[in-house]
């Protein structure tokens, strides 16, 4: 079975991912790799809450900035 992971904040804010239940439950902590300004970075997210939406499990995750790669933009400000 699977569930929908919803990212509430951080670099993946507003995105979702379909994940597989581990031993019948959503993972309490997940890592995601994403490109920010063309560089791959590792981001950690912690489970905040879960709910049932029309018979499907949805789990919300919050960003752990202390354990994740730094998010820096190389854009210069004028």
N, C-alpha and C. Protein backbone atom coordinates (compact mmCIF):
# COMPACT_ATOMS: atom_id res chain seq x y z
N UNK A 1 0.85 -1.18 0.00
CA UNK A 1 0.00 0.00 0.00
C UNK A 1 0.89 1.24 0.00
N UNK A 2 0.29 2.34 -0.43
CA UNK A 2 1.05 3.58 -0.47
C UNK A 2 0.27 4.72 0.19
N UNK A 3 0.93 5.87 0.29
CA UNK A 3 0.32 7.06 0.87
C UNK A 3 0.88 8.29 0.17
N UNK A 4 0.24 9.41 0.40
CA UNK A 4 0.66 10.68 -0.18
C UNK A 4 1.41 11.47 0.88
N UNK A 5 2.66 11.84 0.59
CA UNK A 5 3.44 12.71 1.47
C UNK A 5 3.26 14.14 0.97
N UNK A 6 2.90 15.04 1.88
CA UNK A 6 2.72 16.45 1.55
C UNK A 6 3.79 17.25 2.29
N UNK A 7 4.52 18.10 1.57
CA UNK A 7 5.59 18.88 2.16
C UNK A 7 5.08 20.28 2.48
N UNK A 8 5.05 20.61 3.77
CA UNK A 8 4.44 21.85 4.22
C UNK A 8 5.33 23.07 4.09
N UNK A 9 6.64 22.89 4.13
CA UNK A 9 7.54 24.03 4.10
C UNK A 9 8.89 23.61 3.53
N UNK A 10 9.86 24.51 3.61
CA UNK A 10 11.19 24.20 3.10
C UNK A 10 11.24 24.23 1.59
N UNK A 11 12.30 23.69 1.02
CA UNK A 11 12.50 23.74 -0.43
C UNK A 11 11.44 23.00 -1.23
N UNK A 12 10.78 22.03 -0.62
CA UNK A 12 9.76 21.24 -1.34
C UNK A 12 8.33 21.68 -1.01
N UNK A 13 8.19 22.84 -0.39
CA UNK A 13 6.88 23.33 0.03
C UNK A 13 5.86 23.25 -1.10
N UNK A 14 4.70 22.68 -0.78
CA UNK A 14 3.61 22.57 -1.74
C UNK A 14 3.67 21.35 -2.64
N UNK A 15 4.76 20.60 -2.60
CA UNK A 15 4.88 19.41 -3.44
C UNK A 15 4.34 18.19 -2.70
N UNK A 16 4.03 17.16 -3.48
CA UNK A 16 3.59 15.89 -2.93
C UNK A 16 4.41 14.77 -3.55
N UNK A 17 4.39 13.61 -2.87
CA UNK A 17 5.11 12.44 -3.36
C UNK A 17 4.32 11.21 -2.93
N UNK A 18 4.24 10.22 -3.79
CA UNK A 18 3.62 8.96 -3.42
C UNK A 18 4.69 8.05 -2.85
N UNK A 19 4.47 7.55 -1.63
CA UNK A 19 5.47 6.72 -0.94
C UNK A 19 4.81 5.42 -0.49
N UNK A 20 5.63 4.42 -0.28
CA UNK A 20 5.15 3.10 0.14
C UNK A 20 5.14 3.04 1.67
N UNK A 21 4.08 2.46 2.23
CA UNK A 21 4.02 2.26 3.67
C UNK A 21 5.10 1.28 4.09
N UNK A 22 5.76 1.56 5.20
CA UNK A 22 6.80 0.69 5.74
C UNK A 22 6.22 -0.03 6.94
N UNK A 23 6.12 -1.35 6.85
CA UNK A 23 5.49 -2.17 7.90
C UNK A 23 4.09 -1.65 8.25
N UNK A 24 3.37 -1.21 7.22
CA UNK A 24 2.00 -0.77 7.39
C UNK A 24 1.82 0.65 7.90
N UNK A 25 2.91 1.42 8.00
CA UNK A 25 2.80 2.78 8.54
C UNK A 25 3.62 3.76 7.70
N UNK A 26 3.24 5.03 7.79
CA UNK A 26 4.00 6.09 7.13
C UNK A 26 5.32 6.30 7.87
N UNK A 27 6.34 6.64 7.15
CA UNK A 27 7.65 6.87 7.76
C UNK A 27 7.63 8.12 8.63
N UNK A 28 8.23 8.06 9.82
CA UNK A 28 8.25 9.23 10.69
C UNK A 28 9.24 10.30 10.21
N UNK A 29 10.22 9.90 9.41
CA UNK A 29 11.25 10.82 8.92
C UNK A 29 11.66 10.35 7.53
N UNK A 30 11.69 11.28 6.58
CA UNK A 30 12.08 10.91 5.22
C UNK A 30 13.12 11.89 4.68
N UNK A 31 13.92 11.39 3.76
CA UNK A 31 14.87 12.25 3.07
C UNK A 31 14.43 12.36 1.61
N UNK A 32 14.71 13.52 1.06
CA UNK A 32 14.39 13.77 -0.34
C UNK A 32 15.57 14.46 -0.99
N UNK A 33 15.88 14.08 -2.21
CA UNK A 33 16.93 14.74 -2.98
C UNK A 33 16.24 15.60 -4.02
N UNK A 34 16.66 16.87 -4.08
CA UNK A 34 16.07 17.79 -5.05
C UNK A 34 17.14 18.75 -5.54
N UNK A 35 16.95 19.27 -6.73
CA UNK A 35 17.88 20.24 -7.28
C UNK A 35 17.42 21.65 -6.91
N UNK A 36 18.34 22.43 -6.35
CA UNK A 36 18.08 23.83 -6.03
C UNK A 36 19.15 24.62 -6.76
N UNK A 37 18.72 25.50 -7.64
CA UNK A 37 19.64 26.28 -8.49
C UNK A 37 20.62 25.36 -9.22
N UNK A 38 20.13 24.18 -9.66
CA UNK A 38 20.93 23.26 -10.44
C UNK A 38 21.84 22.34 -9.65
N UNK A 39 21.85 22.46 -8.32
CA UNK A 39 22.69 21.61 -7.48
C UNK A 39 21.82 20.64 -6.69
N UNK A 40 22.19 19.36 -6.69
CA UNK A 40 21.43 18.38 -5.92
C UNK A 40 21.71 18.56 -4.43
N UNK A 41 20.64 18.54 -3.64
CA UNK A 41 20.75 18.70 -2.20
C UNK A 41 19.89 17.65 -1.51
N UNK A 42 20.29 17.27 -0.29
CA UNK A 42 19.54 16.30 0.52
C UNK A 42 18.75 17.06 1.58
N UNK A 43 17.44 16.82 1.61
CA UNK A 43 16.56 17.49 2.56
C UNK A 43 15.87 16.46 3.44
N UNK A 44 15.81 16.74 4.74
CA UNK A 44 15.13 15.86 5.70
C UNK A 44 13.81 16.49 6.12
N UNK A 45 12.79 15.64 6.22
CA UNK A 45 11.46 16.06 6.64
C UNK A 45 10.95 15.12 7.73
N UNK A 46 10.25 15.70 8.71
CA UNK A 46 9.69 14.95 9.83
C UNK A 46 8.17 14.94 9.76
N UNK A 47 7.59 13.83 10.12
CA UNK A 47 6.13 13.67 10.11
C UNK A 47 5.50 14.63 11.11
N UNK A 48 4.50 15.38 10.64
CA UNK A 48 3.79 16.33 11.50
C UNK A 48 2.40 15.81 11.86
N UNK A 49 1.68 15.32 10.86
CA UNK A 49 0.33 14.80 11.10
C UNK A 49 -0.09 13.93 9.93
N UNK A 50 -1.13 13.14 10.16
CA UNK A 50 -1.68 12.32 9.08
C UNK A 50 -3.19 12.35 9.14
N UNK A 51 -3.80 12.12 7.98
CA UNK A 51 -5.26 12.11 7.91
C UNK A 51 -5.70 11.25 6.73
N UNK A 52 -6.95 10.86 6.77
CA UNK A 52 -7.54 10.06 5.71
C UNK A 52 -8.31 11.01 4.79
N UNK A 53 -8.02 10.96 3.50
CA UNK A 53 -8.73 11.76 2.51
C UNK A 53 -9.35 10.81 1.51
N UNK A 54 -10.65 10.65 1.59
CA UNK A 54 -11.40 9.77 0.70
C UNK A 54 -10.78 8.37 0.63
N UNK A 55 -10.45 7.82 1.80
CA UNK A 55 -9.95 6.47 1.89
C UNK A 55 -8.46 6.30 1.63
N UNK A 56 -7.75 7.41 1.45
CA UNK A 56 -6.30 7.33 1.18
C UNK A 56 -5.55 8.13 2.24
N UNK A 57 -4.47 7.55 2.75
CA UNK A 57 -3.68 8.19 3.78
C UNK A 57 -2.85 9.33 3.19
N UNK A 58 -2.95 10.51 3.83
CA UNK A 58 -2.14 11.68 3.49
C UNK A 58 -1.35 12.05 4.73
N UNK A 59 -0.04 12.20 4.58
CA UNK A 59 0.83 12.54 5.70
C UNK A 59 1.54 13.85 5.40
N UNK A 60 1.48 14.77 6.36
CA UNK A 60 2.15 16.06 6.20
C UNK A 60 3.51 16.01 6.90
N UNK A 61 4.50 16.57 6.21
CA UNK A 61 5.87 16.58 6.71
C UNK A 61 6.39 18.01 6.79
N UNK A 62 7.19 18.28 7.83
CA UNK A 62 7.82 19.60 7.99
C UNK A 62 9.32 19.49 7.79
N UNK A 63 9.90 20.54 7.29
CA UNK A 63 11.32 20.61 6.93
C UNK A 63 12.20 20.70 8.17
N UNK A 64 13.28 19.90 8.18
CA UNK A 64 14.28 19.94 9.24
C UNK A 64 15.52 20.63 8.67
N UNK A 65 15.60 21.94 8.84
CA UNK A 65 16.70 22.71 8.24
C UNK A 65 18.04 22.39 8.89
N UNK A 66 18.04 22.01 10.16
CA UNK A 66 19.28 21.71 10.85
C UNK A 66 20.00 20.48 10.34
N UNK A 67 19.26 19.51 9.84
CA UNK A 67 19.85 18.26 9.35
C UNK A 67 19.99 18.23 7.83
N UNK A 68 19.38 19.18 7.14
CA UNK A 68 19.37 19.19 5.68
C UNK A 68 20.56 19.97 5.14
N UNK A 69 20.86 19.74 3.86
CA UNK A 69 21.88 20.55 3.19
C UNK A 69 21.40 22.00 3.20
N UNK A 70 22.34 22.95 3.25
CA UNK A 70 21.95 24.35 3.23
C UNK A 70 21.26 24.71 1.92
N UNK A 71 20.29 25.59 2.03
CA UNK A 71 19.58 26.08 0.85
C UNK A 71 20.06 27.50 0.61
N UNK A 72 20.87 27.66 -0.41
CA UNK A 72 21.41 28.98 -0.73
C UNK A 72 21.15 29.27 -2.20
N UNK A 73 20.79 30.49 -2.46
CA UNK A 73 20.58 30.89 -3.83
C UNK A 73 21.80 31.65 -4.32
N UNK A 74 22.22 31.40 -5.54
CA UNK A 74 23.36 32.09 -6.12
C UNK A 74 22.95 33.34 -6.89
N UNK A 75 21.67 33.68 -6.81
CA UNK A 75 21.18 34.85 -7.53
C UNK A 75 21.67 36.11 -6.84
N UNK A 76 22.23 37.01 -7.61
CA UNK A 76 22.67 38.28 -7.05
C UNK A 76 21.49 39.23 -6.98
N UNK A 77 21.43 40.00 -5.92
CA UNK A 77 20.36 40.97 -5.77
C UNK A 77 20.86 42.32 -6.23
N UNK A 78 20.03 43.05 -6.99
CA UNK A 78 20.40 44.38 -7.48
C UNK A 78 20.08 45.44 -6.47
